């Protein structure tokens, strides 16, 4: 498998994109949208925002896990990383995302519909 962005349709008709690494792990995901075109547009914005350090906002959960929110230049949230236990893991996630910013986009919605028939 190759590192890629996937556009996915959930059962509740919500579209989102996710970054899946070559080993199959999803490391970041958008919040969801009612439109595939909106989701694809958010991914285009992410590809730009991901290069800018100020767009990465670190957060910590009550149990001590850390994650990043990636924001667009207008302040809207584009995506959120998975939770990590250490600062090193969190920085590795950021590096993975930076390296993958030009990764191909795969439309998984077509595959999901094909399996439903």
PDB file of N, CA and C in Angstrom:
ATOM      1  N   UNK A   1       0.847  -1.174   0.000  1.00  0.00           N
ATOM      2  CA  UNK A   1       0.000   0.000   0.000  1.00  0.00           C
ATOM      3  C   UNK A   1       0.893   1.238   0.000  1.00  0.00           C
ATOM      4  N   UNK A   2       0.431   2.292  -0.601  1.00  0.00           N
ATOM      5  CA  UNK A   2       1.168   3.544  -0.673  1.00  0.00           C
ATOM      6  C   UNK A   2       0.500   4.579   0.243  1.00  0.00           C
ATOM      7  N   UNK A   3       1.287   5.491   0.800  1.00  0.00           N
ATOM      8  CA  UNK A   3       0.719   6.573   1.605  1.00  0.00           C
ATOM      9  C   UNK A   3      -0.187   7.400   0.712  1.00  0.00           C
ATOM     10  N   UNK A   4      -1.389   7.703   1.221  1.00  0.00           N
ATOM     11  CA  UNK A   4      -2.372   8.390   0.378  1.00  0.00           C
ATOM     12  C   UNK A   4      -3.425   9.090   1.219  1.00  0.00           C
ATOM     13  N   UNK A   5      -4.078  10.039   0.593  1.00  0.00           N
ATOM     14  CA  UNK A   5      -5.270  10.644   1.161  1.00  0.00           C
ATOM     15  C   UNK A   5      -6.464   9.904   0.582  1.00  0.00           C
ATOM     16  N   UNK A   6      -7.386   9.545   1.428  1.00  0.00           N
ATOM     17  CA  UNK A   6      -8.595   8.863   0.987  1.00  0.00           C
ATOM     18  C   UNK A   6      -9.804   9.761   1.252  1.00  0.00           C
ATOM     19  N   UNK A   7     -10.703   9.843   0.286  1.00  0.00           N
ATOM     20  CA  UNK A   7     -11.991  10.497   0.497  1.00  0.00           C
ATOM     21  C   UNK A   7     -12.982   9.367   0.755  1.00  0.00           C
ATOM     22  N   UNK A   8     -13.646   9.439   1.899  1.00  0.00           N
ATOM     23  CA  UNK A   8     -14.487   8.346   2.374  1.00  0.00           C
ATOM     24  C   UNK A   8     -15.896   8.860   2.639  1.00  0.00           C
ATOM     25  N   UNK A   9     -16.890   8.030   2.368  1.00  0.00           N
ATOM     26  CA  UNK A   9     -18.289   8.330   2.666  1.00  0.00           C
ATOM     27  C   UNK A   9     -18.748   7.444   3.809  1.00  0.00           C
ATOM     28  N   UNK A  10     -19.209   8.067   4.882  1.00  0.00           N
ATOM     29  CA  UNK A  10     -19.730   7.313   6.023  1.00  0.00           C
ATOM     30  C   UNK A  10     -21.191   6.946   5.761  1.00  0.00           C
ATOM     31  N   UNK A  11     -21.733   6.055   6.557  1.00  0.00           N
ATOM     32  CA  UNK A  11     -23.105   5.583   6.391  1.00  0.00           C
ATOM     33  C   UNK A  11     -24.135   6.686   6.597  1.00  0.00           C
ATOM     34  N   UNK A  12     -23.756   7.742   7.311  1.00  0.00           N
ATOM     35  CA  UNK A  12     -24.699   8.835   7.550  1.00  0.00           C
ATOM     36  C   UNK A  12     -24.581   9.933   6.495  1.00  0.00           C
ATOM     37  N   UNK A  13     -24.024   9.599   5.327  1.00  0.00           N
ATOM     38  CA  UNK A  13     -23.848  10.528   4.208  1.00  0.00           C
ATOM     39  C   UNK A  13     -22.925  11.698   4.536  1.00  0.00           C
ATOM     40  N   UNK A  14     -21.936  11.462   5.381  1.00  0.00           N
ATOM     41  CA  UNK A  14     -20.907  12.448   5.684  1.00  0.00           C
ATOM     42  C   UNK A  14     -19.627  12.030   4.981  1.00  0.00           C
ATOM     43  N   UNK A  15     -19.030  12.974   4.260  1.00  0.00           N
ATOM     44  CA  UNK A  15     -17.762  12.742   3.579  1.00  0.00           C
ATOM     45  C   UNK A  15     -16.627  13.275   4.440  1.00  0.00           C
ATOM     46  N   UNK A  16     -15.500  12.612   4.409  1.00  0.00           N
ATOM     47  CA  UNK A  16     -14.303  13.134   5.057  1.00  0.00           C
ATOM     48  C   UNK A  16     -13.086  12.607   4.320  1.00  0.00           C
ATOM     49  N   UNK A  17     -11.934  13.247   4.563  1.00  0.00           N
ATOM     50  CA  UNK A  17     -10.691  12.717   4.023  1.00  0.00           C
ATOM     51  C   UNK A  17      -9.835  12.249   5.186  1.00  0.00           C
ATOM     52  N   UNK A  18      -8.964  11.312   4.892  1.00  0.00           N
ATOM     53  CA  UNK A  18      -8.034  10.809   5.903  1.00  0.00           C
ATOM     54  C   UNK A  18      -6.699  10.521   5.239  1.00  0.00           C
ATOM     55  N   UNK A  19      -5.637  10.662   6.013  1.00  0.00           N
ATOM     56  CA  UNK A  19      -4.305  10.315   5.534  1.00  0.00           C
ATOM     57  C   UNK A  19      -3.973   8.936   6.067  1.00  0.00           C
ATOM     58  N   UNK A  20      -3.782   8.004   5.122  1.00  0.00           N
ATOM     59  CA  UNK A  20      -3.436   6.623   5.474  1.00  0.00           C
ATOM     60  C   UNK A  20      -1.987   6.376   5.044  1.00  0.00           C
ATOM     61  N   UNK A  21      -1.179   5.891   5.976  1.00  0.00           N
ATOM     62  CA  UNK A  21       0.234   5.625   5.679  1.00  0.00           C
ATOM     63  C   UNK A  21       0.384   4.325   4.899  1.00  0.00           C
ATOM     64  N   UNK A  22       1.601   4.075   4.429  1.00  0.00           N
ATOM     65  CA  UNK A  22       1.880   2.873   3.649  1.00  0.00           C
ATOM     66  C   UNK A  22       1.598   1.594   4.430  1.00  0.00           C
ATOM     67  N   UNK A  23       1.685   1.652   5.767  1.00  0.00           N
ATOM     68  CA  UNK A  23       1.396   0.452   6.568  1.00  0.00           C
ATOM     69  C   UNK A  23      -0.080   0.348   6.954  1.00  0.00           C
ATOM     70  N   UNK A  24      -0.917   1.243   6.424  1.00  0.00           N
ATOM     71  CA  UNK A  24      -2.358   1.151   6.631  1.00  0.00           C
ATOM     72  C   UNK A  24      -2.923   1.967   7.780  1.00  0.00           C
ATOM     73  N   UNK A  25      -2.067   2.653   8.529  1.00  0.00           N
ATOM     74  CA  UNK A  25      -2.531   3.430   9.684  1.00  0.00           C
ATOM     75  C   UNK A  25      -3.096   4.774   9.237  1.00  0.00           C
ATOM     76  N   UNK A  26      -4.269   5.121   9.763  1.00  0.00           N
ATOM     77  CA  UNK A  26      -4.845   6.449   9.530  1.00  0.00           C
ATOM     78  C   UNK A  26      -4.249   7.378  10.581  1.00  0.00           C
ATOM     79  N   UNK A  27      -3.552   8.449  10.138  1.00  0.00           N
ATOM     80  CA  UNK A  27      -2.862   9.332  11.070  1.00  0.00           C
ATOM     81  C   UNK A  27      -3.516  10.699  11.209  1.00  0.00           C
ATOM     82  N   UNK A  28      -4.367  11.074  10.256  1.00  0.00           N
ATOM     83  CA  UNK A  28      -5.156  12.288  10.431  1.00  0.00           C
ATOM     84  C   UNK A  28      -6.434  12.175   9.633  1.00  0.00           C
ATOM     85  N   UNK A  29      -7.429  12.948  10.070  1.00  0.00           N
ATOM     86  CA  UNK A  29      -8.753  12.872   9.449  1.00  0.00           C
ATOM     87  C   UNK A  29      -9.423  14.237   9.537  1.00  0.00           C
ATOM     88  N   UNK A  30     -10.194  14.547   8.507  1.00  0.00           N
ATOM     89  CA  UNK A  30     -10.979  15.781   8.533  1.00  0.00           C
ATOM     90  C   UNK A  30     -12.190  15.586   9.445  1.00  0.00           C
ATOM     91  N   UNK A  31     -12.912  16.667   9.686  1.00  0.00           N
ATOM     92  CA  UNK A  31     -14.062  16.592  10.590  1.00  0.00           C
ATOM     93  C   UNK A  31     -15.323  16.073   9.914  1.00  0.00           C
ATOM     94  N   UNK A  32     -15.394  16.172   8.613  1.00  0.00           N
ATOM     95  CA  UNK A  32     -16.551  15.683   7.892  1.00  0.00           C
ATOM     96  C   UNK A  32     -17.330  16.812   7.249  1.00  0.00           C
ATOM     97  N   UNK A  33     -17.997  16.479   6.155  1.00  0.00           N
ATOM     98  CA  UNK A  33     -18.725  17.460   5.359  1.00  0.00           C
ATOM     99  C   UNK A  33     -19.894  16.755   4.668  1.00  0.00           C
ATOM    100  N   UNK A  34     -20.956  17.492   4.358  1.00  0.00           N
ATOM    101  CA  UNK A  34     -22.077  16.876   3.652  1.00  0.00           C
ATOM    102  C   UNK A  34     -21.843  16.719   2.150  1.00  0.00           C
ATOM    103  N   UNK A  35     -20.703  17.199   1.647  1.00  0.00           N
ATOM    104  CA  UNK A  35     -20.450  17.200   0.204  1.00  0.00           C
ATOM    105  C   UNK A  35     -19.051  16.676  -0.114  1.00  0.00           C
ATOM    106  N   UNK A  36     -18.966  15.826  -1.130  1.00  0.00           N
ATOM    107  CA  UNK A  36     -17.662  15.322  -1.549  1.00  0.00           C
ATOM    108  C   UNK A  36     -16.803  16.462  -2.111  1.00  0.00           C
ATOM    109  N   UNK A  37     -17.405  17.372  -2.855  1.00  0.00           N
ATOM    110  CA  UNK A  37     -16.657  18.496  -3.419  1.00  0.00           C
ATOM    111  C   UNK A  37     -16.083  19.371  -2.308  1.00  0.00           C
ATOM    112  N   UNK A  38     -16.865  19.621  -1.253  1.00  0.00           N
ATOM    113  CA  UNK A  38     -16.367  20.401  -0.116  1.00  0.00           C
ATOM    114  C   UNK A  38     -15.191  19.684   0.550  1.00  0.00           C
ATOM    115  N   UNK A  39     -15.296  18.382   0.671  1.00  0.00           N
ATOM    116  CA  UNK A  39     -14.233  17.587   1.284  1.00  0.00           C
ATOM    117  C   UNK A  39     -12.965  17.643   0.441  1.00  0.00           C
ATOM    118  N   UNK A  40     -13.107  17.519  -0.858  1.00  0.00           N
ATOM    119  CA  UNK A  40     -11.946  17.609  -1.742  1.00  0.00           C
ATOM    120  C   UNK A  40     -11.315  19.009  -1.669  1.00  0.00           C
ATOM    121  N   UNK A  41     -12.143  20.038  -1.561  1.00  0.00           N
ATOM    122  CA  UNK A  41     -11.640  21.407  -1.419  1.00  0.00           C
ATOM    123  C   UNK A  41     -10.883  21.577  -0.094  1.00  0.00           C
ATOM    124  N   UNK A  42     -11.414  21.002   0.984  1.00  0.00           N
ATOM    125  CA  UNK A  42     -10.723  21.050   2.273  1.00  0.00           C
ATOM    126  C   UNK A  42      -9.362  20.370   2.182  1.00  0.00           C
ATOM    127  N   UNK A  43      -9.286  19.277   1.444  1.00  0.00           N
ATOM    128  CA  UNK A  43      -8.008  18.590   1.263  1.00  0.00           C
ATOM    129  C   UNK A  43      -7.014  19.482   0.521  1.00  0.00           C
ATOM    130  N   UNK A  44      -7.478  20.204  -0.478  1.00  0.00           N
ATOM    131  CA  UNK A  44      -6.590  21.145  -1.180  1.00  0.00           C
ATOM    132  C   UNK A  44      -6.058  22.205  -0.218  1.00  0.00           C
ATOM    133  N   UNK A  45      -6.918  22.714   0.644  1.00  0.00           N
ATOM    134  CA  UNK A  45      -6.497  23.698   1.644  1.00  0.00           C
ATOM    135  C   UNK A  45      -5.509  23.077   2.633  1.00  0.00           C
ATOM    136  N   UNK A  46      -5.743  21.830   3.009  1.00  0.00           N
ATOM    137  CA  UNK A  46      -4.833  21.149   3.932  1.00  0.00           C
ATOM    138  C   UNK A  46      -3.439  21.032   3.339  1.00  0.00           C
ATOM    139  N   UNK A  47      -3.355  20.715   2.066  1.00  0.00           N
ATOM    140  CA  UNK A  47      -2.052  20.558   1.414  1.00  0.00           C
ATOM    141  C   UNK A  47      -1.215  21.831   1.533  1.00  0.00           C
ATOM    142  N   UNK A  48      -1.878  22.983   1.572  1.00  0.00           N
ATOM    143  CA  UNK A  48      -1.176  24.256   1.759  1.00  0.00           C
ATOM    144  C   UNK A  48      -0.909  24.515   3.238  1.00  0.00           C
ATOM    145  N   UNK A  49      -1.924  24.359   4.071  1.00  0.00           N
ATOM    146  CA  UNK A  49      -1.808  24.670   5.504  1.00  0.00           C
ATOM    147  C   UNK A  49      -0.790  23.791   6.212  1.00  0.00           C
ATOM    148  N   UNK A  50      -0.643  22.581   5.760  1.00  0.00           N
ATOM    149  CA  UNK A  50       0.229  21.608   6.417  1.00  0.00           C
ATOM    150  C   UNK A  50       1.697  22.062   6.411  1.00  0.00           C
ATOM    151  N   UNK A  51       2.041  22.938   5.483  1.00  0.00           N
ATOM    152  CA  UNK A  51       3.420  23.421   5.362  1.00  0.00           C
ATOM    153  C   UNK A  51       3.737  24.554   6.337  1.00  0.00           C
ATOM    154  N   UNK A  52       2.722  25.114   6.976  1.00  0.00           N
ATOM    155  CA  UNK A  52       2.891  26.292   7.826  1.00  0.00           C
ATOM    156  C   UNK A  52       2.800  25.920   9.306  1.00  0.00           C
ATOM    157  N   UNK A  53       3.876  26.109  10.060  1.00  0.00           N
ATOM    158  CA  UNK A  53       3.889  25.771  11.488  1.00  0.00           C
ATOM    159  C   UNK A  53       2.750  26.410  12.289  1.00  0.00           C
ATOM    160  N   UNK A  54       2.406  27.691  12.056  1.00  0.00           N
ATOM    161  CA  UNK A  54       1.327  28.294  12.862  1.00  0.00           C
ATOM    162  C   UNK A  54      -0.037  27.619  12.672  1.00  0.00           C
ATOM    163  N   UNK A  55      -0.185  26.843  11.606  1.00  0.00           N
ATOM    164  CA  UNK A  55      -1.469  26.182  11.346  1.00  0.00           C
ATOM    165  C   UNK A  55      -1.628  24.890  12.164  1.00  0.00           C
ATOM    166  N   UNK A  56      -0.555  24.436  12.779  1.00  0.00           N
ATOM    167  CA  UNK A  56      -0.555  23.237  13.616  1.00  0.00           C
ATOM    168  C   UNK A  56      -0.763  23.665  15.068  1.00  0.00           C
ATOM    169  N   UNK A  57      -1.891  23.319  15.642  1.00  0.00           N
ATOM    170  CA  UNK A  57      -2.211  23.695  17.016  1.00  0.00           C
ATOM    171  C   UNK A  57      -2.207  22.427  17.871  1.00  0.00           C
ATOM    172  N   UNK A  58      -1.311  22.380  18.845  1.00  0.00           N
ATOM    173  CA  UNK A  58      -1.202  21.196  19.703  1.00  0.00           C
ATOM    174  C   UNK A  58      -2.240  21.250  20.816  1.00  0.00           C
ATOM    175  N   UNK A  59      -2.856  20.102  21.091  1.00  0.00           N
ATOM    176  CA  UNK A  59      -3.831  19.969  22.170  1.00  0.00           C
ATOM    177  C   UNK A  59      -3.464  18.751  23.018  1.00  0.00           C
ATOM    178  N   UNK A  60      -3.948  18.747  24.240  1.00  0.00           N
ATOM    179  CA  UNK A  60      -3.716  17.616  25.133  1.00  0.00           C
ATOM    180  C   UNK A  60      -5.038  17.202  25.758  1.00  0.00           C
ATOM    181  N   UNK A  61      -5.260  15.899  25.840  1.00  0.00           N
ATOM    182  CA  UNK A  61      -6.472  15.374  26.449  1.00  0.00           C
ATOM    183  C   UNK A  61      -6.292  15.285  27.959  1.00  0.00           C
ATOM    184  N   UNK A  62      -7.377  15.043  28.667  1.00  0.00           N
ATOM    185  CA  UNK A  62      -7.319  14.932  30.131  1.00  0.00           C
ATOM    186  C   UNK A  62      -6.426  13.784  30.595  1.00  0.00           C
ATOM    187  N   UNK A  63      -6.342  12.737  29.762  1.00  0.00           N
ATOM    188  CA  UNK A  63      -5.509  11.589  30.152  1.00  0.00           C
ATOM    189  C   UNK A  63      -4.043  11.737  29.716  1.00  0.00           C
ATOM    190  N   UNK A  64      -3.680  12.911  29.179  1.00  0.00           N
ATOM    191  CA  UNK A  64      -2.289  13.177  28.848  1.00  0.00           C
ATOM    192  C   UNK A  64      -1.887  12.909  27.412  1.00  0.00           C
ATOM    193  N   UNK A  65      -2.785  12.383  26.603  1.00  0.00           N
ATOM    194  CA  UNK A  65      -2.466  12.161  25.188  1.00  0.00           C
ATOM    195  C   UNK A  65      -2.426  13.514  24.466  1.00  0.00           C
ATOM    196  N   UNK A  66      -1.648  13.568  23.409  1.00  0.00           N
ATOM    197  CA  UNK A  66      -1.520  14.797  22.630  1.00  0.00           C
ATOM    198  C   UNK A  66      -1.955  14.562  21.190  1.00  0.00           C
ATOM    199  N   UNK A  67      -2.418  15.637  20.541  1.00  0.00           N
ATOM    200  CA  UNK A  67      -2.783  15.587  19.131  1.00  0.00           C
ATOM    201  C   UNK A  67      -2.690  16.992  18.554  1.00  0.00           C
ATOM    202  N   UNK A  68      -2.670  17.075  17.237  1.00  0.00           N
ATOM    203  CA  UNK A  68      -2.664  18.349  16.543  1.00  0.00           C
ATOM    204  C   UNK A  68      -4.007  18.573  15.860  1.00  0.00           C
ATOM    205  N   UNK A  69      -4.420  19.834  15.844  1.00  0.00           N
ATOM    206  CA  UNK A  69      -5.488  20.317  14.983  1.00  0.00           C
ATOM    207  C   UNK A  69      -4.775  21.125  13.905  1.00  0.00           C
ATOM    208  N   UNK A  70      -5.131  20.912  12.662  1.00  0.00           N
ATOM    209  CA  UNK A  70      -4.551  21.690  11.571  1.00  0.00           C
ATOM    210  C   UNK A  70      -5.629  22.638  11.067  1.00  0.00           C
ATOM    211  N   UNK A  71      -5.320  23.935  11.110  1.00  0.00           N
ATOM    212  CA  UNK A  71      -6.295  24.956  10.734  1.00  0.00           C
ATOM    213  C   UNK A  71      -5.940  25.596   9.405  1.00  0.00           C
ATOM    214  N   UNK A  72      -6.977  26.072   8.735  1.00  0.00           N
ATOM    215  CA  UNK A  72      -6.817  26.830   7.505  1.00  0.00           C
ATOM    216  C   UNK A  72      -6.427  28.261   7.863  1.00  0.00           C
ATOM    217  N   UNK A  73      -6.043  29.050   6.883  1.00  0.00           N
ATOM    218  CA  UNK A  73      -5.625  30.426   7.166  1.00  0.00           C
ATOM    219  C   UNK A  73      -6.764  31.272   7.727  1.00  0.00           C
ATOM    220  N   UNK A  74      -8.030  30.876   7.491  1.00  0.00           N
ATOM    221  CA  UNK A  74      -9.171  31.611   8.051  1.00  0.00           C
ATOM    222  C   UNK A  74      -9.535  31.140   9.460  1.00  0.00           C
ATOM    223  N   UNK A  75      -8.777  30.178   9.991  1.00  0.00           N
ATOM    224  CA  UNK A  75      -9.004  29.674  11.338  1.00  0.00           C
ATOM    225  C   UNK A  75      -9.903  28.452  11.427  1.00  0.00           C
ATOM    226  N   UNK A  76     -10.498  28.048  10.317  1.00  0.00           N
ATOM    227  CA  UNK A  76     -11.359  26.862  10.350  1.00  0.00           C
ATOM    228  C   UNK A  76     -10.516  25.596  10.463  1.00  0.00           C
ATOM    229  N   UNK A  77     -11.064  24.594  11.127  1.00  0.00           N
ATOM    230  CA  UNK A  77     -10.348  23.326  11.333  1.00  0.00           C
ATOM    231  C   UNK A  77     -10.440  22.490  10.063  1.00  0.00           C
ATOM    232  N   UNK A  78      -9.282  22.054   9.588  1.00  0.00           N
ATOM    233  CA  UNK A  78      -9.222  21.205   8.399  1.00  0.00           C
ATOM    234  C   UNK A  78      -9.115  19.730   8.761  1.00  0.00           C
ATOM    235  N   UNK A  79      -8.333  19.417   9.785  1.00  0.00           N
ATOM    236  CA  UNK A  79      -8.110  18.016  10.145  1.00  0.00           C
ATOM    237  C   UNK A  79      -7.558  17.924  11.554  1.00  0.00           C
ATOM    238  N   UNK A  80      -7.573  16.697  12.054  1.00  0.00           N
ATOM    239  CA  UNK A  80      -7.073  16.401  13.397  1.00  0.00           C
ATOM    240  C   UNK A  80      -6.246  15.128  13.307  1.00  0.00           C
ATOM    241  N   UNK A  81      -5.108  15.099  14.003  1.00  0.00           N
ATOM    242  CA  UNK A  81      -4.283  13.892  14.012  1.00  0.00           C
ATOM    243  C   UNK A  81      -4.818  12.908  15.051  1.00  0.00           C
ATOM    244  N   UNK A  82      -4.306  11.695  14.984  1.00  0.00           N
ATOM    245  CA  UNK A  82      -4.622  10.721  16.021  1.00  0.00           C
ATOM    246  C   UNK A  82      -3.950  11.144  17.319  1.00  0.00           C
ATOM    247  N   UNK A  83      -4.368  10.569  18.424  1.00  0.00           N
ATOM    248  CA  UNK A  83      -3.772  10.871  19.732  1.00  0.00           C
ATOM    249  C   UNK A  83      -2.493  10.066  19.905  1.00  0.00           C
ATOM    250  N   UNK A  84      -1.499  10.701  20.520  1.00  0.00           N
ATOM    251  CA  UNK A  84      -0.230  10.030  20.803  1.00  0.00           C
ATOM    252  C   UNK A  84       0.088  10.162  22.285  1.00  0.00           C
ATOM    253  N   UNK A  85       0.950   9.287  22.765  1.00  0.00           N
ATOM    254  CA  UNK A  85       1.316   9.290  24.180  1.00  0.00           C
ATOM    255  C   UNK A  85       2.545  10.145  24.467  1.00  0.00           C
ATOM    256  N   UNK A  86       3.419  10.315  23.459  1.00  0.00           N
ATOM    257  CA  UNK A  86       4.656  11.048  23.708  1.00  0.00           C
ATOM    258  C   UNK A  86       4.816  12.191  22.709  1.00  0.00           C
ATOM    259  N   UNK A  87       5.648  13.143  23.100  1.00  0.00           N
ATOM    260  CA  UNK A  87       5.951  14.274  22.231  1.00  0.00           C
ATOM    261  C   UNK A  87       6.673  13.796  20.970  1.00  0.00           C
ATOM    262  N   UNK A  88       7.537  12.808  21.114  1.00  0.00           N
ATOM    263  CA  UNK A  88       8.268  12.259  19.967  1.00  0.00           C
ATOM    264  C   UNK A  88       7.309  11.642  18.945  1.00  0.00           C
ATOM    265  N   UNK A  89       6.299  10.907  19.432  1.00  0.00           N
ATOM    266  CA  UNK A  89       5.303  10.319  18.532  1.00  0.00           C
ATOM    267  C   UNK A  89       4.515  11.412  17.807  1.00  0.00           C
ATOM    268  N   UNK A  90       4.191  12.477  18.534  1.00  0.00           N
ATOM    269  CA  UNK A  90       3.438  13.577  17.945  1.00  0.00           C
ATOM    270  C   UNK A  90       4.257  14.264  16.850  1.00  0.00           C
ATOM    271  N   UNK A  91       5.540  14.501  17.121  1.00  0.00           N
ATOM    272  CA  UNK A  91       6.402  15.109  16.107  1.00  0.00           C
ATOM    273  C   UNK A  91       6.575  14.196  14.898  1.00  0.00           C
ATOM    274  N   UNK A  92       6.620  12.893  15.127  1.00  0.00           N
ATOM    275  CA  UNK A  92       6.726  11.940  14.021  1.00  0.00           C
ATOM    276  C   UNK A  92       5.477  11.994  13.143  1.00  0.00           C
ATOM    277  N   UNK A  93       4.314  12.159  13.767  1.00  0.00           N
ATOM    278  CA  UNK A  93       3.070  12.306  12.998  1.00  0.00           C
ATOM    279  C   UNK A  93       3.124  13.538  12.101  1.00  0.00           C
ATOM    280  N   UNK A  94       3.619  14.619  12.662  1.00  0.00           N
ATOM    281  CA  UNK A  94       3.722  15.858  11.885  1.00  0.00           C
ATOM    282  C   UNK A  94       4.653  15.660  10.696  1.00  0.00           C
ATOM    283  N   UNK A  95       5.785  15.022  10.922  1.00  0.00           N
ATOM    284  CA  UNK A  95       6.731  14.755   9.837  1.00  0.00           C
ATOM    285  C   UNK A  95       6.100  13.871   8.757  1.00  0.00           C
ATOM    286  N   UNK A  96       5.367  12.864   9.182  1.00  0.00           N
ATOM    287  CA  UNK A  96       4.679  11.979   8.239  1.00  0.00           C
ATOM    288  C   UNK A  96       3.712  12.774   7.373  1.00  0.00           C
ATOM    289  N   UNK A  97       2.943  13.643   8.000  1.00  0.00           N
ATOM    290  CA  UNK A  97       1.971  14.460   7.267  1.00  0.00           C
ATOM    291  C   UNK A  97       2.670  15.425   6.308  1.00  0.00           C
ATOM    292  N   UNK A  98       3.752  16.031   6.762  1.00  0.00           N
ATOM    293  CA  UNK A  98       4.503  16.947   5.891  1.00  0.00           C
ATOM    294  C   UNK A  98       5.047  16.222   4.667  1.00  0.00           C
ATOM    295  N   UNK A  99       5.596  15.042   4.882  1.00  0.00           N
ATOM    296  CA  UNK A  99       6.137  14.257   3.776  1.00  0.00           C
ATOM    297  C   UNK A  99       5.039  13.800   2.815  1.00  0.00           C
ATOM    298  N   UNK A 100       3.835  13.625   3.325  1.00  0.00           N
ATOM    299  CA  UNK A 100       2.735  13.094   2.521  1.00  0.00           C
ATOM    300  C   UNK A 100       1.847  14.170   1.902  1.00  0.00           C
ATOM    301  N   UNK A 101       2.193  15.433   2.062  1.00  0.00           N
ATOM    302  CA  UNK A 101       1.282  16.495   1.621  1.00  0.00           C
ATOM    303  C   UNK A 101       0.940  16.415   0.133  1.00  0.00           C
ATOM    304  N   UNK A 102       1.814  15.848  -0.669  1.00  0.00           N
ATOM    305  CA  UNK A 102       1.539  15.708  -2.096  1.00  0.00           C
ATOM    306  C   UNK A 102       1.087  14.287  -2.466  1.00  0.00           C
ATOM    307  N   UNK A 103       0.772  13.496  -1.468  1.00  0.00           N
ATOM    308  CA  UNK A 103       0.337  12.108  -1.711  1.00  0.00           C
ATOM    309  C   UNK A 103      -0.928  12.093  -2.566  1.00  0.00           C
ATOM    310  N   UNK A 104      -1.128  11.041  -3.327  1.00  0.00           N
ATOM    311  CA  UNK A 104      -2.319  10.971  -4.175  1.00  0.00           C
ATOM    312  C   UNK A 104      -3.596  10.921  -3.352  1.00  0.00           C
ATOM    313  N   UNK A 105      -4.676  11.395  -3.966  1.00  0.00           N
ATOM    314  CA  UNK A 105      -5.997  11.308  -3.357  1.00  0.00           C
ATOM    315  C   UNK A 105      -6.754  10.157  -4.027  1.00  0.00           C
ATOM    316  N   UNK A 106      -7.256   9.264  -3.220  1.00  0.00           N
ATOM    317  CA  UNK A 106      -8.013   8.119  -3.709  1.00  0.00           C
ATOM    318  C   UNK A 106      -9.467   8.291  -3.276  1.00  0.00           C
ATOM    319  N   UNK A 107     -10.385   8.174  -4.223  1.00  0.00           N
ATOM    320  CA  UNK A 107     -11.810   8.287  -3.921  1.00  0.00           C
ATOM    321  C   UNK A 107     -12.334   6.914  -3.504  1.00  0.00           C
ATOM    322  N   UNK A 108     -12.468   6.707  -2.203  1.00  0.00           N
ATOM    323  CA  UNK A 108     -12.954   5.431  -1.676  1.00  0.00           C
ATOM    324  C   UNK A 108     -14.481   5.336  -1.750  1.00  0.00           C
ATOM    325  N   UNK A 109     -15.158   6.422  -2.059  1.00  0.00           N
ATOM    326  CA  UNK A 109     -16.620   6.427  -2.142  1.00  0.00           C
ATOM    327  C   UNK A 109     -17.091   5.525  -3.270  1.00  0.00           C
ATOM    328  N   UNK A 110     -16.383   5.536  -4.387  1.00  0.00           N
ATOM    329  CA  UNK A 110     -16.760   4.700  -5.526  1.00  0.00           C
ATOM    330  C   UNK A 110     -16.642   3.224  -5.168  1.00  0.00           C
ATOM    331  N   UNK A 111     -15.594   2.863  -4.434  1.00  0.00           N
ATOM    332  CA  UNK A 111     -15.393   1.470  -4.041  1.00  0.00           C
ATOM    333  C   UNK A 111     -16.480   1.030  -3.064  1.00  0.00           C
ATOM    334  N   UNK A 112     -16.859   1.906  -2.149  1.00  0.00           N
ATOM    335  CA  UNK A 112     -17.895   1.573  -1.169  1.00  0.00           C
ATOM    336  C   UNK A 112     -19.227   1.329  -1.856  1.00  0.00           C
ATOM    337  N   UNK A 113     -19.543   2.165  -2.848  1.00  0.00           N
ATOM    338  CA  UNK A 113     -20.812   1.989  -3.577  1.00  0.00           C
ATOM    339  C   UNK A 113     -20.796   0.715  -4.399  1.00  0.00           C
ATOM    340  N   UNK A 114     -19.648   0.372  -4.981  1.00  0.00           N
ATOM    341  CA  UNK A 114     -19.533  -0.840  -5.791  1.00  0.00           C
ATOM    342  C   UNK A 114     -19.746  -2.076  -4.936  1.00  0.00           C
ATOM    343  N   UNK A 115     -19.252  -2.060  -3.686  1.00  0.00           N
ATOM    344  CA  UNK A 115     -19.432  -3.212  -2.798  1.00  0.00           C
ATOM    345  C   UNK A 115     -20.861  -3.318  -2.299  1.00  0.00           C
ATOM    346  N   UNK A 116     -21.588  -2.217  -2.276  1.00  0.00           N
ATOM    347  CA  UNK A 116     -22.960  -2.228  -1.797  1.00  0.00           C
ATOM    348  C   UNK A 116     -23.915  -2.859  -2.798  1.00  0.00           C
ATOM    349  N   UNK A 117     -23.508  -2.874  -4.064  1.00  0.00           N
ATOM    350  CA  UNK A 117     -24.387  -3.423  -5.106  1.00  0.00           C
ATOM    351  C   UNK A 117     -24.241  -4.906  -5.271  1.00  0.00           C
TER     352      UNK A 117
END
